[in-house]
Amino acid sequence: MTYLALLGGLYLIITGIIGKGKAFRSKIGTPLSEKEARTVRITYIIVGVILLAVAVVSGIELFFGT
Protein backbone atom coordinates (compact mmCIF):
# COMPACT_ATOMS: atom_id res chain seq x y z
CA MET A 1 0.00 0.00 0.00
CA THR A 2 2.83 2.36 0.78
CA TYR A 3 4.38 2.00 -2.63
CA LEU A 4 1.10 2.20 -4.51
CA ALA A 5 0.08 5.36 -2.66
CA LEU A 6 3.52 6.88 -3.28
CA LEU A 7 3.47 6.07 -6.99
CA GLY A 8 -0.15 7.18 -7.39
CA GLY A 9 0.48 10.44 -5.55
CA LEU A 10 3.55 11.25 -7.62
CA TYR A 11 1.72 10.41 -10.84
CA LEU A 12 -1.23 12.63 -9.99
CA ILE A 13 0.96 15.56 -8.95
CA ILE A 14 3.10 15.33 -12.09
CA THR A 15 0.04 14.98 -14.33
CA GLY A 16 -1.60 17.94 -12.58
CA ILE A 17 1.47 20.12 -13.08
CA ILE A 18 2.02 19.12 -16.72
CA GLY A 19 -1.68 19.36 -17.58
CA LYS A 20 -1.82 16.70 -20.28
CA GLY A 21 -3.75 13.48 -20.56
CA LYS A 22 -7.29 12.22 -20.96
CA ALA A 23 -8.56 14.16 -17.95
CA PHE A 24 -7.81 17.43 -19.72
CA ARG A 25 -9.99 16.61 -22.74
CA SER A 26 -13.77 16.53 -23.09
CA LYS A 27 -15.72 13.44 -24.09
CA ILE A 28 -15.48 14.35 -27.78
CA GLY A 29 -11.73 14.94 -27.59
CA THR A 30 -11.57 18.73 -27.56
CA PRO A 31 -9.44 20.48 -24.94
CA LEU A 32 -11.22 21.71 -21.82
CA SER A 33 -11.76 25.39 -21.22
CA GLU A 34 -9.18 27.12 -19.06
CA LYS A 35 -11.52 27.19 -16.05
CA GLU A 36 -12.32 23.47 -16.32
CA ALA A 37 -8.65 22.57 -16.87
CA ARG A 38 -7.69 24.59 -13.81
CA THR A 39 -10.28 22.72 -11.74
CA VAL A 40 -8.96 19.36 -12.95
CA ARG A 41 -5.37 20.46 -12.27
CA ILE A 42 -6.18 21.55 -8.69
CA THR A 43 -8.12 18.33 -8.04
CA TYR A 44 -5.24 16.18 -9.30
CA ILE A 45 -2.72 18.01 -7.12
CA ILE A 46 -4.91 17.83 -3.99
CA VAL A 47 -5.57 14.10 -4.43
CA GLY A 48 -1.85 13.55 -5.10
CA VAL A 49 -0.90 15.30 -1.87
CA ILE A 50 -3.46 13.25 0.06
CA LEU A 51 -2.02 10.04 -1.42
CA LEU A 52 1.49 11.12 -0.44
CA ALA A 53 0.26 11.66 3.11
CA VAL A 54 -1.27 8.17 3.06
CA ALA A 55 2.07 6.80 1.82
CA VAL A 56 3.92 8.49 4.69
CA VAL A 57 1.53 7.20 7.36
CA SER A 58 1.47 3.72 5.83
CA GLY A 59 5.27 3.71 5.56
CA ILE A 60 5.65 4.68 9.20
CA GLU A 61 3.32 1.87 10.23
CA LEU A 62 5.11 -0.58 7.94
CA PHE A 63 8.65 0.17 9.05
CA PHE A 64 8.10 1.00 12.71
CA GLY A 65 5.25 -1.48 13.38
CA THR A 66 2.91 0.74 15.33
PDB file of N, CA and C in Angstrom:
ATOM      1  N   MET A   1       0.816  -1.185   0.000  1.00  0.00           N
ATOM      2  CA  MET A   1       0.000   0.000   0.000  1.00  0.00           C
ATOM      3  C   MET A   1       0.863   1.254   0.000  1.00  0.00           C
ATOM      4  N   THR A   2       1.944   1.201   0.715  1.00  0.00           N
ATOM      5  CA  THR A   2       2.832   2.358   0.779  1.00  0.00           C
ATOM      6  C   THR A   2       3.339   2.731  -0.603  1.00  0.00           C
ATOM      7  N   TYR A   3       3.799   1.727  -1.318  1.00  0.00           N
ATOM      8  CA  TYR A   3       4.384   2.002  -2.625  1.00  0.00           C
ATOM      9  C   TYR A   3       3.336   2.421  -3.648  1.00  0.00           C
ATOM     10  N   LEU A   4       2.169   1.814  -3.590  1.00  0.00           N
ATOM     11  CA  LEU A   4       1.096   2.204  -4.514  1.00  0.00           C
ATOM     12  C   LEU A   4       0.634   3.624  -4.255  1.00  0.00           C
ATOM     13  N   ALA A   5       0.484   3.992  -2.992  1.00  0.00           N
ATOM     14  CA  ALA A   5       0.076   5.357  -2.656  1.00  0.00           C
ATOM     15  C   ALA A   5       1.151   6.350  -3.073  1.00  0.00           C
ATOM     16  N   LEU A   6       2.414   5.998  -2.893  1.00  0.00           N
ATOM     17  CA  LEU A   6       3.515   6.877  -3.283  1.00  0.00           C
ATOM     18  C   LEU A   6       3.541   7.072  -4.797  1.00  0.00           C
ATOM     19  N   LEU A   7       3.458   5.970  -5.531  1.00  0.00           N
ATOM     20  CA  LEU A   7       3.467   6.069  -6.992  1.00  0.00           C
ATOM     21  C   LEU A   7       2.239   6.809  -7.524  1.00  0.00           C
ATOM     22  N   GLY A   8       1.081   6.501  -6.969  1.00  0.00           N
ATOM     23  CA  GLY A   8      -0.147   7.178  -7.392  1.00  0.00           C
ATOM     24  C   GLY A   8      -0.106   8.662  -7.092  1.00  0.00           C
ATOM     25  N   GLY A   9       0.381   9.024  -5.917  1.00  0.00           N
ATOM     26  CA  GLY A   9       0.484  10.439  -5.549  1.00  0.00           C
ATOM     27  C   GLY A   9       1.440  11.197  -6.451  1.00  0.00           C
ATOM     28  N   LEU A  10       2.585  10.604  -6.724  1.00  0.00           N
ATOM     29  CA  LEU A  10       3.550  11.255  -7.620  1.00  0.00           C
ATOM     30  C   LEU A  10       2.986  11.399  -9.030  1.00  0.00           C
ATOM     31  N   TYR A  11       2.317  10.357  -9.506  1.00  0.00           N
ATOM     32  CA  TYR A  11       1.723  10.411 -10.838  1.00  0.00           C
ATOM     33  C   TYR A  11       0.693  11.537 -10.942  1.00  0.00           C
ATOM     34  N   LEU A  12      -0.189  11.614  -9.948  1.00  0.00           N
ATOM     35  CA  LEU A  12      -1.233  12.635  -9.993  1.00  0.00           C
ATOM     36  C   LEU A  12      -0.659  14.044  -9.897  1.00  0.00           C
ATOM     37  N   ILE A  13       0.352  14.238  -9.066  1.00  0.00           N
ATOM     38  CA  ILE A  13       0.956  15.560  -8.950  1.00  0.00           C
ATOM     39  C   ILE A  13       1.652  15.947 -10.247  1.00  0.00           C
ATOM     40  N   ILE A  14       2.395  15.033 -10.826  1.00  0.00           N
ATOM     41  CA  ILE A  14       3.095  15.333 -12.087  1.00  0.00           C
ATOM     42  C   ILE A  14       2.101  15.597 -13.209  1.00  0.00           C
ATOM     43  N   THR A  15       1.058  14.779 -13.300  1.00  0.00           N
ATOM     44  CA  THR A  15       0.036  14.983 -14.325  1.00  0.00           C
ATOM     45  C   THR A  15      -0.679  16.313 -14.120  1.00  0.00           C
ATOM     46  N   GLY A  16      -0.957  16.669 -12.868  1.00  0.00           N
ATOM     47  CA  GLY A  16      -1.599  17.944 -12.582  1.00  0.00           C
ATOM     48  C   GLY A  16      -0.732  19.128 -12.954  1.00  0.00           C
ATOM     49  N   ILE A  17       0.559  19.014 -12.735  1.00  0.00           N
ATOM     50  CA  ILE A  17       1.465  20.117 -13.079  1.00  0.00           C
ATOM     51  C   ILE A  17       1.633  20.232 -14.582  1.00  0.00           C
ATOM     52  N   ILE A  18       1.811  19.103 -15.264  1.00  0.00           N
ATOM     53  CA  ILE A  18       2.015  19.118 -16.717  1.00  0.00           C
ATOM     54  C   ILE A  18       0.732  19.515 -17.441  1.00  0.00           C
ATOM     55  N   GLY A  19      -0.388  18.995 -16.996  1.00  0.00           N
ATOM     56  CA  GLY A  19      -1.677  19.363 -17.583  1.00  0.00           C
ATOM     57  C   GLY A  19      -1.991  18.672 -18.895  1.00  0.00           C
ATOM     58  N   LYS A  20      -1.517  17.455 -19.063  1.00  0.00           N
ATOM     59  CA  LYS A  20      -1.824  16.704 -20.283  1.00  0.00           C
ATOM     60  C   LYS A  20      -2.420  15.363 -19.904  1.00  0.00           C
ATOM     61  N   GLY A  21      -3.159  14.781 -20.805  1.00  0.00           N
ATOM     62  CA  GLY A  21      -3.754  13.483 -20.557  1.00  0.00           C
ATOM     63  C   GLY A  21      -5.244  13.499 -20.849  1.00  0.00           C
ATOM     64  N   LYS A  22      -5.868  12.358 -20.646  1.00  0.00           N
ATOM     65  CA  LYS A  22      -7.290  12.218 -20.958  1.00  0.00           C
ATOM     66  C   LYS A  22      -8.168  13.092 -20.072  1.00  0.00           C
ATOM     67  N   ALA A  23      -7.738  13.358 -18.871  1.00  0.00           N
ATOM     68  CA  ALA A  23      -8.560  14.156 -17.953  1.00  0.00           C
ATOM     69  C   ALA A  23      -8.685  15.604 -18.412  1.00  0.00           C
ATOM     70  N   PHE A  24      -7.798  16.046 -19.265  1.00  0.00           N
ATOM     71  CA  PHE A  24      -7.808  17.429 -19.723  1.00  0.00           C
ATOM     72  C   PHE A  24      -8.483  17.575 -21.088  1.00  0.00           C
ATOM     73  N   ARG A  25      -9.230  16.565 -21.483  1.00  0.00           N
ATOM     74  CA  ARG A  25      -9.989  16.608 -22.739  1.00  0.00           C
ATOM     75  C   ARG A  25     -11.446  16.280 -22.445  1.00  0.00           C
ATOM     76  N   SER A  26     -12.340  16.830 -23.263  1.00  0.00           N
ATOM     77  CA  SER A  26     -13.767  16.534 -23.091  1.00  0.00           C
ATOM     78  C   SER A  26     -14.077  15.163 -23.683  1.00  0.00           C
ATOM     79  N   LYS A  27     -15.326  14.755 -23.582  1.00  0.00           N
ATOM     80  CA  LYS A  27     -15.725  13.444 -24.094  1.00  0.00           C
ATOM     81  C   LYS A  27     -15.517  13.318 -25.596  1.00  0.00           C
ATOM     82  N   ILE A  28     -15.642  14.420 -26.323  1.00  0.00           N
ATOM     83  CA  ILE A  28     -15.482  14.346 -27.779  1.00  0.00           C
ATOM     84  C   ILE A  28     -14.046  14.621 -28.221  1.00  0.00           C
ATOM     85  N   GLY A  29     -13.137  14.818 -27.262  1.00  0.00           N
ATOM     86  CA  GLY A  29     -11.727  14.942 -27.590  1.00  0.00           C
ATOM     87  C   GLY A  29     -11.203  16.358 -27.691  1.00  0.00           C
ATOM     88  N   THR A  30     -12.040  17.343 -27.501  1.00  0.00           N
ATOM     89  CA  THR A  30     -11.565  18.725 -27.564  1.00  0.00           C
ATOM     90  C   THR A  30     -10.979  19.128 -26.212  1.00  0.00           C
ATOM     91  N   PRO A  31     -10.023  20.038 -26.211  1.00  0.00           N
ATOM     92  CA  PRO A  31      -9.444  20.475 -24.935  1.00  0.00           C
ATOM     93  C   PRO A  31     -10.487  21.177 -24.063  1.00  0.00           C
ATOM     94  N   LEU A  32     -10.317  21.054 -22.765  1.00  0.00           N
ATOM     95  CA  LEU A  32     -11.222  21.707 -21.824  1.00  0.00           C
ATOM     96  C   LEU A  32     -10.971  23.211 -21.825  1.00  0.00           C
ATOM     97  N   SER A  33     -11.960  23.952 -21.367  1.00  0.00           N
ATOM     98  CA  SER A  33     -11.762  25.392 -21.221  1.00  0.00           C
ATOM     99  C   SER A  33     -10.743  25.621 -20.108  1.00  0.00           C
ATOM    100  N   GLU A  34     -10.209  26.827 -20.050  1.00  0.00           N
ATOM    101  CA  GLU A  34      -9.176  27.123 -19.059  1.00  0.00           C
ATOM    102  C   GLU A  34      -9.697  26.946 -17.629  1.00  0.00           C
ATOM    103  N   LYS A  35     -10.945  27.330 -17.385  1.00  0.00           N
ATOM    104  CA  LYS A  35     -11.522  27.195 -16.052  1.00  0.00           C
ATOM    105  C   LYS A  35     -11.674  25.723 -15.673  1.00  0.00           C
ATOM    106  N   GLU A  36     -12.161  24.903 -16.601  1.00  0.00           N
ATOM    107  CA  GLU A  36     -12.316  23.468 -16.323  1.00  0.00           C
ATOM    108  C   GLU A  36     -10.959  22.797 -16.150  1.00  0.00           C
ATOM    109  N   ALA A  37      -9.987  23.155 -16.975  1.00  0.00           N
ATOM    110  CA  ALA A  37      -8.653  22.566 -16.874  1.00  0.00           C
ATOM    111  C   ALA A  37      -8.007  22.937 -15.539  1.00  0.00           C
ATOM    112  N   ARG A  38      -8.228  24.161 -15.088  1.00  0.00           N
ATOM    113  CA  ARG A  38      -7.685  24.589 -13.806  1.00  0.00           C
ATOM    114  C   ARG A  38      -8.305  23.781 -12.666  1.00  0.00           C
ATOM    115  N   THR A  39      -9.601  23.525 -12.755  1.00  0.00           N
ATOM    116  CA  THR A  39     -10.284  22.721 -11.740  1.00  0.00           C
ATOM    117  C   THR A  39      -9.724  21.302 -11.705  1.00  0.00           C
ATOM    118  N   VAL A  40      -9.520  20.708 -12.876  1.00  0.00           N
ATOM    119  CA  VAL A  40      -8.957  19.357 -12.948  1.00  0.00           C
ATOM    120  C   VAL A  40      -7.539  19.357 -12.391  1.00  0.00           C
ATOM    121  N   ARG A  41      -6.760  20.365 -12.737  1.00  0.00           N
ATOM    122  CA  ARG A  41      -5.373  20.457 -12.271  1.00  0.00           C
ATOM    123  C   ARG A  41      -5.325  20.542 -10.744  1.00  0.00           C
ATOM    124  N   ILE A  42      -6.153  21.397 -10.158  1.00  0.00           N
ATOM    125  CA  ILE A  42      -6.176  21.547  -8.694  1.00  0.00           C
ATOM    126  C   ILE A  42      -6.625  20.251  -8.024  1.00  0.00           C
ATOM    127  N   THR A  43      -7.637  19.599  -8.600  1.00  0.00           N
ATOM    128  CA  THR A  43      -8.120  18.331  -8.039  1.00  0.00           C
ATOM    129  C   THR A  43      -7.029  17.268  -8.076  1.00  0.00           C
ATOM    130  N   TYR A  44      -6.325  17.156  -9.188  1.00  0.00           N
ATOM    131  CA  TYR A  44      -5.241  16.179  -9.298  1.00  0.00           C
ATOM    132  C   TYR A  44      -4.165  16.440  -8.253  1.00  0.00           C
ATOM    133  N   ILE A  45      -3.782  17.685  -8.074  1.00  0.00           N
ATOM    134  CA  ILE A  45      -2.722  18.012  -7.125  1.00  0.00           C
ATOM    135  C   ILE A  45      -3.175  17.735  -5.696  1.00  0.00           C
ATOM    136  N   ILE A  46      -4.412  18.078  -5.349  1.00  0.00           N
ATOM    137  CA  ILE A  46      -4.912  17.827  -3.994  1.00  0.00           C
ATOM    138  C   ILE A  46      -4.965  16.329  -3.703  1.00  0.00           C
ATOM    139  N   VAL A  47      -5.491  15.559  -4.636  1.00  0.00           N
ATOM    140  CA  VAL A  47      -5.571  14.102  -4.429  1.00  0.00           C
ATOM    141  C   VAL A  47      -4.164  13.504  -4.360  1.00  0.00           C
ATOM    142  N   GLY A  48      -3.232  14.022  -5.155  1.00  0.00           N
ATOM    143  CA  GLY A  48      -1.854  13.550  -5.103  1.00  0.00           C
ATOM    144  C   GLY A  48      -1.210  13.808  -3.756  1.00  0.00           C
ATOM    145  N   VAL A  49      -1.452  14.974  -3.187  1.00  0.00           N
ATOM    146  CA  VAL A  49      -0.899  15.298  -1.866  1.00  0.00           C
ATOM    147  C   VAL A  49      -1.513  14.397  -0.793  1.00  0.00           C
ATOM    148  N   ILE A  50      -2.805  14.141  -0.899  1.00  0.00           N
ATOM    149  CA  ILE A  50      -3.455  13.245   0.061  1.00  0.00           C
ATOM    150  C   ILE A  50      -2.856  11.837  -0.039  1.00  0.00           C
ATOM    151  N   LEU A  51      -2.630  11.367  -1.264  1.00  0.00           N
ATOM    152  CA  LEU A  51      -2.020  10.041  -1.425  1.00  0.00           C
ATOM    153  C   LEU A  51      -0.593  10.004  -0.882  1.00  0.00           C
ATOM    154  N   LEU A  52       0.147  11.088  -1.024  1.00  0.00           N
ATOM    155  CA  LEU A  52       1.491  11.122  -0.439  1.00  0.00           C
ATOM    156  C   LEU A  52       1.423  11.072   1.087  1.00  0.00           C
ATOM    157  N   ALA A  53       0.437  11.727   1.661  1.00  0.00           N
ATOM    158  CA  ALA A  53       0.258  11.664   3.112  1.00  0.00           C
ATOM    159  C   ALA A  53      -0.089  10.235   3.543  1.00  0.00           C
ATOM    160  N   VAL A  54      -0.938   9.569   2.777  1.00  0.00           N
ATOM    161  CA  VAL A  54      -1.271   8.172   3.063  1.00  0.00           C
ATOM    162  C   VAL A  54      -0.017   7.302   2.963  1.00  0.00           C
ATOM    163  N   ALA A  55       0.826   7.569   1.979  1.00  0.00           N
ATOM    164  CA  ALA A  55       2.066   6.803   1.821  1.00  0.00           C
ATOM    165  C   ALA A  55       2.991   6.996   3.022  1.00  0.00           C
ATOM    166  N   VAL A  56       3.063   8.218   3.529  1.00  0.00           N
ATOM    167  CA  VAL A  56       3.922   8.488   4.686  1.00  0.00           C
ATOM    168  C   VAL A  56       3.400   7.750   5.918  1.00  0.00           C
ATOM    169  N   VAL A  57       2.109   7.862   6.189  1.00  0.00           N
ATOM    170  CA  VAL A  57       1.525   7.197   7.361  1.00  0.00           C
ATOM    171  C   VAL A  57       1.652   5.682   7.223  1.00  0.00           C
ATOM    172  N   SER A  58       1.370   5.159   6.057  1.00  0.00           N
ATOM    173  CA  SER A  58       1.472   3.724   5.827  1.00  0.00           C
ATOM    174  C   SER A  58       2.921   3.245   5.937  1.00  0.00           C
ATOM    175  N   GLY A  59       3.849   4.050   5.450  1.00  0.00           N
ATOM    176  CA  GLY A  59       5.267   3.705   5.559  1.00  0.00           C
ATOM    177  C   GLY A  59       5.744   3.686   6.981  1.00  0.00           C
ATOM    178  N   ILE A  60       5.281   4.651   7.782  1.00  0.00           N
ATOM    179  CA  ILE A  60       5.654   4.680   9.199  1.00  0.00           C
ATOM    180  C   ILE A  60       5.130   3.431   9.897  1.00  0.00           C
ATOM    181  N   GLU A  61       3.887   3.075   9.613  1.00  0.00           N
ATOM    182  CA  GLU A  61       3.322   1.874  10.233  1.00  0.00           C
ATOM    183  C   GLU A  61       4.031   0.607   9.751  1.00  0.00           C
ATOM    184  N   LEU A  62       4.425   0.588   8.490  1.00  0.00           N
ATOM    185  CA  LEU A  62       5.106  -0.582   7.939  1.00  0.00           C
ATOM    186  C   LEU A  62       6.489  -0.778   8.544  1.00  0.00           C
ATOM    187  N   PHE A  63       7.263   0.298   8.620  1.00  0.00           N
ATOM    188  CA  PHE A  63       8.652   0.175   9.045  1.00  0.00           C
ATOM    189  C   PHE A  63       8.834   0.225  10.554  1.00  0.00           C
ATOM    190  N   PHE A  64       7.940   0.897  11.274  1.00  0.00           N
ATOM    191  CA  PHE A  64       8.097   1.001  12.714  1.00  0.00           C
ATOM    192  C   PHE A  64       7.096   0.147  13.475  1.00  0.00           C
ATOM    193  N   GLY A  65       6.161  -0.507  12.780  1.00  0.00           N
ATOM    194  CA  GLY A  65       5.253  -1.476  13.381  1.00  0.00           C
ATOM    195  C   GLY A  65       4.376  -0.956  14.498  1.00  0.00           C
ATOM    196  N   THR A  66       3.765   0.192  14.286  1.00  0.00           N
ATOM    197  CA  THR A  66       2.912   0.739  15.329  1.00  0.00           C
ATOM    198  C   THR A  66       1.587   0.067  15.384  1.00  0.00           C
TER     199      THR A  66
END
